[in-house]
Amino acid sequence: MSIKNKALLYNFLGYAVLFIIIRFFIIEFFALNHFVKLIIAAILATLLAPKFAVIKTKEGARLVMKWIFIKGFKEL
């Protein structure tokens, strides 16, 4: 599996896990329309999910992560 595919997979998994957790939290505690719940969960998961990217350096390609709870980039 290439590094670009890993970054794509990690981005999807981070978003999907947060979306499902937020969606069930909203369903339990708020009485809103089903479509509104999905939109709110999608927006929150997009904002809170970590972002993975591939950067190219002289040594080769590296996988890095940016998250709002971590200052700067974290190299994986």
PDB file of N, CA and C in Angstrom:
ATOM      1  N   MET A   1       0.854  -1.168   0.000  1.00  0.00           N
ATOM      2  CA  MET A   1       0.000   0.000   0.000  1.00  0.00           C
ATOM      3  C   MET A   1       0.905   1.238   0.000  1.00  0.00           C
ATOM      4  N   SER A   2       0.627   2.157  -0.902  1.00  0.00           N
ATOM      5  CA  SER A   2       1.459   3.352  -0.989  1.00  0.00           C
ATOM      6  C   SER A   2       1.112   4.339   0.123  1.00  0.00           C
ATOM      7  N   ILE A   3       1.983   5.309   0.303  1.00  0.00           N
ATOM      8  CA  ILE A   3       1.786   6.292   1.370  1.00  0.00           C
ATOM      9  C   ILE A   3       0.560   7.158   1.078  1.00  0.00           C
ATOM     10  N   LYS A   4       0.320   7.475  -0.182  1.00  0.00           N
ATOM     11  CA  LYS A   4      -0.861   8.277  -0.529  1.00  0.00           C
ATOM     12  C   LYS A   4      -2.151   7.532  -0.195  1.00  0.00           C
ATOM     13  N   ASN A   5      -2.158   6.236  -0.441  1.00  0.00           N
ATOM     14  CA  ASN A   5      -3.342   5.436  -0.108  1.00  0.00           C
ATOM     15  C   ASN A   5      -3.547   5.353   1.407  1.00  0.00           C
ATOM     16  N   LYS A   6      -2.459   5.265   2.164  1.00  0.00           N
ATOM     17  CA  LYS A   6      -2.568   5.252   3.619  1.00  0.00           C
ATOM     18  C   LYS A   6      -3.148   6.566   4.124  1.00  0.00           C
ATOM     19  N   ALA A   7      -2.685   7.681   3.564  1.00  0.00           N
ATOM     20  CA  ALA A   7      -3.209   8.986   3.977  1.00  0.00           C
ATOM     21  C   ALA A   7      -4.700   9.079   3.679  1.00  0.00           C
ATOM     22  N   LEU A   8      -5.116   8.621   2.517  1.00  0.00           N
ATOM     23  CA  LEU A   8      -6.535   8.635   2.158  1.00  0.00           C
ATOM     24  C   LEU A   8      -7.351   7.753   3.095  1.00  0.00           C
ATOM     25  N   LEU A   9      -6.840   6.571   3.405  1.00  0.00           N
ATOM     26  CA  LEU A   9      -7.533   5.649   4.303  1.00  0.00           C
ATOM     27  C   LEU A   9      -7.632   6.229   5.713  1.00  0.00           C
ATOM     28  N   TYR A  10      -6.546   6.817   6.222  1.00  0.00           N
ATOM     29  CA  TYR A  10      -6.572   7.417   7.557  1.00  0.00           C
ATOM     30  C   TYR A  10      -7.539   8.597   7.609  1.00  0.00           C
ATOM     31  N   ASN A  11      -7.575   9.413   6.558  1.00  0.00           N
ATOM     32  CA  ASN A  11      -8.530  10.524   6.514  1.00  0.00           C
ATOM     33  C   ASN A  11      -9.966  10.011   6.583  1.00  0.00           C
ATOM     34  N   PHE A  12     -10.248   8.964   5.811  1.00  0.00           N
ATOM     35  CA  PHE A  12     -11.600   8.408   5.806  1.00  0.00           C
ATOM     36  C   PHE A  12     -11.966   7.814   7.162  1.00  0.00           C
ATOM     37  N   LEU A  13     -11.059   7.028   7.742  1.00  0.00           N
ATOM     38  CA  LEU A  13     -11.354   6.391   9.030  1.00  0.00           C
ATOM     39  C   LEU A  13     -11.538   7.415  10.146  1.00  0.00           C
ATOM     40  N   GLY A  14     -10.705   8.447  10.164  1.00  0.00           N
ATOM     41  CA  GLY A  14     -10.846   9.494  11.175  1.00  0.00           C
ATOM     42  C   GLY A  14     -12.180  10.212  11.057  1.00  0.00           C
ATOM     43  N   TYR A  15     -12.573  10.526   9.824  1.00  0.00           N
ATOM     44  CA  TYR A  15     -13.855  11.197   9.605  1.00  0.00           C
ATOM     45  C   TYR A  15     -15.017  10.274   9.950  1.00  0.00           C
ATOM     46  N   ALA A  16     -14.967   9.022   9.492  1.00  0.00           N
ATOM     47  CA  ALA A  16     -16.080   8.097   9.682  1.00  0.00           C
ATOM     48  C   ALA A  16     -16.328   7.801  11.163  1.00  0.00           C
ATOM     49  N   VAL A  17     -15.272   7.586  11.915  1.00  0.00           N
ATOM     50  CA  VAL A  17     -15.439   7.290  13.342  1.00  0.00           C
ATOM     51  C   VAL A  17     -16.059   8.476  14.065  1.00  0.00           C
ATOM     52  N   LEU A  18     -15.544   9.664  13.803  1.00  0.00           N
ATOM     53  CA  LEU A  18     -16.110  10.845  14.450  1.00  0.00           C
ATOM     54  C   LEU A  18     -17.546  11.102  14.011  1.00  0.00           C
ATOM     55  N   PHE A  19     -17.844  10.890  12.741  1.00  0.00           N
ATOM     56  CA  PHE A  19     -19.201  11.096  12.241  1.00  0.00           C
ATOM     57  C   PHE A  19     -20.192  10.176  12.952  1.00  0.00           C
ATOM     58  N   ILE A  20     -19.838   8.908  13.089  1.00  0.00           N
ATOM     59  CA  ILE A  20     -20.740   7.948  13.730  1.00  0.00           C
ATOM     60  C   ILE A  20     -20.926   8.275  15.211  1.00  0.00           C
ATOM     61  N   ILE A  21     -19.845   8.617  15.898  1.00  0.00           N
ATOM     62  CA  ILE A  21     -19.955   8.956  17.320  1.00  0.00           C
ATOM     63  C   ILE A  21     -20.812  10.204  17.511  1.00  0.00           C
ATOM     64  N   ILE A  22     -20.546  11.238  16.726  1.00  0.00           N
ATOM     65  CA  ILE A  22     -21.309  12.487  16.851  1.00  0.00           C
ATOM     66  C   ILE A  22     -22.766  12.268  16.463  1.00  0.00           C
ATOM     67  N   ARG A  23     -23.005  11.479  15.433  1.00  0.00           N
ATOM     68  CA  ARG A  23     -24.376  11.225  14.978  1.00  0.00           C
ATOM     69  C   ARG A  23     -25.197  10.548  16.068  1.00  0.00           C
ATOM     70  N   PHE A  24     -24.644   9.530  16.713  1.00  0.00           N
ATOM     71  CA  PHE A  24     -25.383   8.855  17.772  1.00  0.00           C
ATOM     72  C   PHE A  24     -25.556   9.744  18.998  1.00  0.00           C
ATOM     73  N   PHE A  25     -24.574  10.595  19.287  1.00  0.00           N
ATOM     74  CA  PHE A  25     -24.710  11.536  20.391  1.00  0.00           C
ATOM     75  C   PHE A  25     -25.843  12.519  20.121  1.00  0.00           C
ATOM     76  N   ILE A  26     -25.923  13.033  18.915  1.00  0.00           N
ATOM     77  CA  ILE A  26     -26.976  13.993  18.557  1.00  0.00           C
ATOM     78  C   ILE A  26     -28.347  13.314  18.568  1.00  0.00           C
ATOM     79  N   ILE A  27     -28.419  12.080  18.102  1.00  0.00           N
ATOM     80  CA  ILE A  27     -29.700  11.366  18.069  1.00  0.00           C
ATOM     81  C   ILE A  27     -30.237  11.156  19.488  1.00  0.00           C
ATOM     82  N   GLU A  28     -29.357  10.870  20.438  1.00  0.00           N
ATOM     83  CA  GLU A  28     -29.796  10.586  21.795  1.00  0.00           C
ATOM     84  C   GLU A  28     -30.259  11.830  22.559  1.00  0.00           C
ATOM     85  N   PHE A  29     -29.608  12.962  22.334  1.00  0.00           N
ATOM     86  CA  PHE A  29     -29.843  14.103  23.212  1.00  0.00           C
ATOM     87  C   PHE A  29     -30.614  15.263  22.585  1.00  0.00           C
ATOM     88  N   PHE A  30     -30.819  15.263  21.288  1.00  0.00           N
ATOM     89  CA  PHE A  30     -31.522  16.373  20.656  1.00  0.00           C
ATOM     90  C   PHE A  30     -32.692  15.870  19.819  1.00  0.00           C
ATOM     91  N   ALA A  31     -33.783  16.603  19.856  1.00  0.00           N
ATOM     92  CA  ALA A  31     -34.960  16.251  19.070  1.00  0.00           C
ATOM     93  C   ALA A  31     -35.000  17.159  17.843  1.00  0.00           C
ATOM     94  N   LEU A  32     -34.282  16.748  16.819  1.00  0.00           N
ATOM     95  CA  LEU A  32     -34.218  17.515  15.572  1.00  0.00           C
ATOM     96  C   LEU A  32     -34.662  16.629  14.415  1.00  0.00           C
ATOM     97  N   ASN A  33     -34.843  17.242  13.276  1.00  0.00           N
ATOM     98  CA  ASN A  33     -35.134  16.519  12.048  1.00  0.00           C
ATOM     99  C   ASN A  33     -33.942  15.615  11.706  1.00  0.00           C
ATOM    100  N   HIS A  34     -34.203  14.460  11.102  1.00  0.00           N
ATOM    101  CA  HIS A  34     -33.148  13.501  10.775  1.00  0.00           C
ATOM    102  C   HIS A  34     -32.102  14.114   9.849  1.00  0.00           C
ATOM    103  N   PHE A  35     -32.538  14.860   8.854  1.00  0.00           N
ATOM    104  CA  PHE A  35     -31.612  15.473   7.905  1.00  0.00           C
ATOM    105  C   PHE A  35     -30.729  16.515   8.592  1.00  0.00           C
ATOM    106  N   VAL A  36     -31.286  17.274   9.496  1.00  0.00           N
ATOM    107  CA  VAL A  36     -30.527  18.289  10.233  1.00  0.00           C
ATOM    108  C   VAL A  36     -29.474  17.618  11.105  1.00  0.00           C
ATOM    109  N   LYS A  37     -29.806  16.507  11.728  1.00  0.00           N
ATOM    110  CA  LYS A  37     -28.849  15.772  12.545  1.00  0.00           C
ATOM    111  C   LYS A  37     -27.663  15.310  11.708  1.00  0.00           C
ATOM    112  N   LEU A  38     -27.934  14.811  10.504  1.00  0.00           N
ATOM    113  CA  LEU A  38     -26.855  14.346   9.640  1.00  0.00           C
ATOM    114  C   LEU A  38     -25.956  15.491   9.196  1.00  0.00           C
ATOM    115  N   ILE A  39     -26.545  16.624   8.868  1.00  0.00           N
ATOM    116  CA  ILE A  39     -25.756  17.778   8.444  1.00  0.00           C
ATOM    117  C   ILE A  39     -24.873  18.276   9.591  1.00  0.00           C
ATOM    118  N   ILE A  40     -25.421  18.371  10.787  1.00  0.00           N
ATOM    119  CA  ILE A  40     -24.649  18.819  11.945  1.00  0.00           C
ATOM    120  C   ILE A  40     -23.506  17.847  12.233  1.00  0.00           C
ATOM    121  N   ALA A  41     -23.774  16.550  12.175  1.00  0.00           N
ATOM    122  CA  ALA A  41     -22.740  15.552  12.423  1.00  0.00           C
ATOM    123  C   ALA A  41     -21.647  15.622  11.358  1.00  0.00           C
ATOM    124  N   ALA A  42     -22.016  15.839  10.110  1.00  0.00           N
ATOM    125  CA  ALA A  42     -21.031  15.933   9.033  1.00  0.00           C
ATOM    126  C   ALA A  42     -20.136  17.153   9.204  1.00  0.00           C
ATOM    127  N   ILE A  43     -20.718  18.278   9.555  1.00  0.00           N
ATOM    128  CA  ILE A  43     -19.929  19.500   9.731  1.00  0.00           C
ATOM    129  C   ILE A  43     -18.984  19.364  10.917  1.00  0.00           C
ATOM    130  N   LEU A  44     -19.474  18.864  12.038  1.00  0.00           N
ATOM    131  CA  LEU A  44     -18.623  18.702  13.217  1.00  0.00           C
ATOM    132  C   LEU A  44     -17.504  17.684  12.971  1.00  0.00           C
ATOM    133  N   ALA A  45     -17.818  16.586  12.301  1.00  0.00           N
ATOM    134  CA  ALA A  45     -16.791  15.580  12.016  1.00  0.00           C
ATOM    135  C   ALA A  45     -15.737  16.144  11.066  1.00  0.00           C
ATOM    136  N   THR A  46     -16.136  16.959  10.111  1.00  0.00           N
ATOM    137  CA  THR A  46     -15.181  17.576   9.198  1.00  0.00           C
ATOM    138  C   THR A  46     -14.239  18.514   9.946  1.00  0.00           C
ATOM    139  N   LEU A  47     -14.772  19.262  10.889  1.00  0.00           N
ATOM    140  CA  LEU A  47     -13.940  20.202  11.638  1.00  0.00           C
ATOM    141  C   LEU A  47     -13.033  19.513  12.649  1.00  0.00           C
ATOM    142  N   LEU A  48     -13.488  18.426  13.264  1.00  0.00           N
ATOM    143  CA  LEU A  48     -12.747  17.783  14.341  1.00  0.00           C
ATOM    144  C   LEU A  48     -11.818  16.653  13.895  1.00  0.00           C
ATOM    145  N   ALA A  49     -11.998  16.129  12.699  1.00  0.00           N
ATOM    146  CA  ALA A  49     -11.207  14.985  12.241  1.00  0.00           C
ATOM    147  C   ALA A  49      -9.767  15.407  11.938  1.00  0.00           C
ATOM    148  N   PRO A  50      -8.807  14.542  12.249  1.00  0.00           N
ATOM    149  CA  PRO A  50      -7.413  14.852  11.902  1.00  0.00           C
ATOM    150  C   PRO A  50      -7.221  14.771  10.388  1.00  0.00           C
ATOM    151  N   LYS A  51      -6.298  15.594   9.885  1.00  0.00           N
ATOM    152  CA  LYS A  51      -6.008  15.620   8.450  1.00  0.00           C
ATOM    153  C   LYS A  51      -4.643  14.976   8.222  1.00  0.00           C
ATOM    154  N   PHE A  52      -4.583  14.023   7.320  1.00  0.00           N
ATOM    155  CA  PHE A  52      -3.341  13.338   6.980  1.00  0.00           C
ATOM    156  C   PHE A  52      -2.924  13.760   5.584  1.00  0.00           C
ATOM    157  N   ALA A  53      -1.614  13.937   5.392  1.00  0.00           N
ATOM    158  CA  ALA A  53      -1.102  14.356   4.091  1.00  0.00           C
ATOM    159  C   ALA A  53       0.275  13.741   3.872  1.00  0.00           C
ATOM    160  N   VAL A  54       0.679  13.701   2.607  1.00  0.00           N
ATOM    161  CA  VAL A  54       2.000  13.214   2.230  1.00  0.00           C
ATOM    162  C   VAL A  54       2.825  14.416   1.786  1.00  0.00           C
ATOM    163  N   ILE A  55       3.989  14.568   2.400  1.00  0.00           N
ATOM    164  CA  ILE A  55       4.893  15.622   1.971  1.00  0.00           C
ATOM    165  C   ILE A  55       6.149  14.978   1.402  1.00  0.00           C
ATOM    166  N   LYS A  56       6.697  15.602   0.395  1.00  0.00           N
ATOM    167  CA  LYS A  56       7.906  15.080  -0.240  1.00  0.00           C
ATOM    168  C   LYS A  56       9.109  15.863   0.259  1.00  0.00           C
ATOM    169  N   THR A  57      10.097  15.141   0.761  1.00  0.00           N
ATOM    170  CA  THR A  57      11.341  15.735   1.233  1.00  0.00           C
ATOM    171  C   THR A  57      12.490  15.148   0.432  1.00  0.00           C
ATOM    172  N   LYS A  58      13.685  15.582   0.744  1.00  0.00           N
ATOM    173  CA  LYS A  58      14.859  15.037   0.050  1.00  0.00           C
ATOM    174  C   LYS A  58      15.061  13.556   0.355  1.00  0.00           C
ATOM    175  N   GLU A  59      14.660  13.131   1.556  1.00  0.00           N
ATOM    176  CA  GLU A  59      14.809  11.726   1.934  1.00  0.00           C
ATOM    177  C   GLU A  59      13.730  10.841   1.318  1.00  0.00           C
ATOM    178  N   GLY A  60      12.610  11.428   0.911  1.00  0.00           N
ATOM    179  CA  GLY A  60      11.505  10.667   0.344  1.00  0.00           C
ATOM    180  C   GLY A  60      10.176  11.212   0.837  1.00  0.00           C
ATOM    181  N   ALA A  61       9.110  10.489   0.563  1.00  0.00           N
ATOM    182  CA  ALA A  61       7.764  10.910   0.966  1.00  0.00           C
ATOM    183  C   ALA A  61       7.520  10.543   2.427  1.00  0.00           C
ATOM    184  N   ARG A  62       6.867  11.449   3.155  1.00  0.00           N
ATOM    185  CA  ARG A  62       6.564  11.216   4.563  1.00  0.00           C
ATOM    186  C   ARG A  62       5.097  11.516   4.822  1.00  0.00           C
ATOM    187  N   LEU A  63       4.533  10.768   5.743  1.00  0.00           N
ATOM    188  CA  LEU A  63       3.143  10.934   6.135  1.00  0.00           C
ATOM    189  C   LEU A  63       3.086  11.819   7.379  1.00  0.00           C
ATOM    190  N   VAL A  64       2.313  12.901   7.301  1.00  0.00           N
ATOM    191  CA  VAL A  64       2.171  13.818   8.431  1.00  0.00           C
ATOM    192  C   VAL A  64       0.697  13.988   8.770  1.00  0.00           C
ATOM    193  N   MET A  65       0.456  14.407  10.025  1.00  0.00           N
ATOM    194  CA  MET A  65      -0.907  14.603  10.509  1.00  0.00           C
ATOM    195  C   MET A  65      -1.034  15.996  11.102  1.00  0.00           C
ATOM    196  N   LYS A  66      -2.150  16.654  10.815  1.00  0.00           N
ATOM    197  CA  LYS A  66      -2.485  17.948  11.401  1.00  0.00           C
ATOM    198  C   LYS A  66      -3.835  17.796  12.074  1.00  0.00           C
ATOM    199  N   TRP A  67      -3.906  18.255  13.333  1.00  0.00           N
ATOM    200  CA  TRP A  67      -5.133  18.146  14.086  1.00  0.00           C
ATOM    201  C   TRP A  67      -5.298  19.400  14.904  1.00  0.00           C
ATOM    202  N   ILE A  68      -6.529  19.820  15.160  1.00  0.00           N
ATOM    203  CA  ILE A  68      -6.738  21.072  15.872  1.00  0.00           C
ATOM    204  C   ILE A  68      -6.324  20.973  17.333  1.00  0.00           C
ATOM    205  N   PHE A  69      -6.188  19.765  17.870  1.00  0.00           N
ATOM    206  CA  PHE A  69      -5.808  19.585  19.264  1.00  0.00           C
ATOM    207  C   PHE A  69      -4.294  19.456  19.443  1.00  0.00           C
ATOM    208  N   ILE A  70      -3.539  19.440  18.341  1.00  0.00           N
ATOM    209  CA  ILE A  70      -2.085  19.332  18.382  1.00  0.00           C
ATOM    210  C   ILE A  70      -1.498  20.552  17.678  1.00  0.00           C
ATOM    211  N   LYS A  71      -0.505  21.160  18.277  1.00  0.00           N
ATOM    212  CA  LYS A  71       0.147  22.304  17.661  1.00  0.00           C
ATOM    213  C   LYS A  71       1.163  21.812  16.626  1.00  0.00           C
ATOM    214  N   GLY A  72       1.066  22.312  15.412  1.00  0.00           N
ATOM    215  CA  GLY A  72       2.000  21.933  14.367  1.00  0.00           C
ATOM    216  C   GLY A  72       1.625  20.611  13.712  1.00  0.00           C
ATOM    217  N   PHE A  73       2.605  20.022  13.038  1.00  0.00           N
ATOM    218  CA  PHE A  73       2.406  18.758  12.340  1.00  0.00           C
ATOM    219  C   PHE A  73       3.083  17.638  13.115  1.00  0.00           C
ATOM    220  N   LYS A  74       2.483  16.458  13.061  1.00  0.00           N
ATOM    221  CA  LYS A  74       3.066  15.285  13.691  1.00  0.00           C
ATOM    222  C   LYS A  74       3.435  14.305  12.588  1.00  0.00           C
ATOM    223  N   GLU A  75       4.681  13.895  12.553  1.00  0.00           N
ATOM    224  CA  GLU A  75       5.153  12.971  11.534  1.00  0.00           C
ATOM    225  C   GLU A  75       4.879  11.538  11.985  1.00  0.00           C
ATOM    226  N   LEU A  76       4.307  10.745  11.095  1.00  0.00           N
ATOM    227  CA  LEU A  76       3.998   9.356  11.430  1.00  0.00           C
ATOM    228  C   LEU A  76       5.016   8.411  10.846  1.00  0.00           C
TER     229      LEU A  76
END
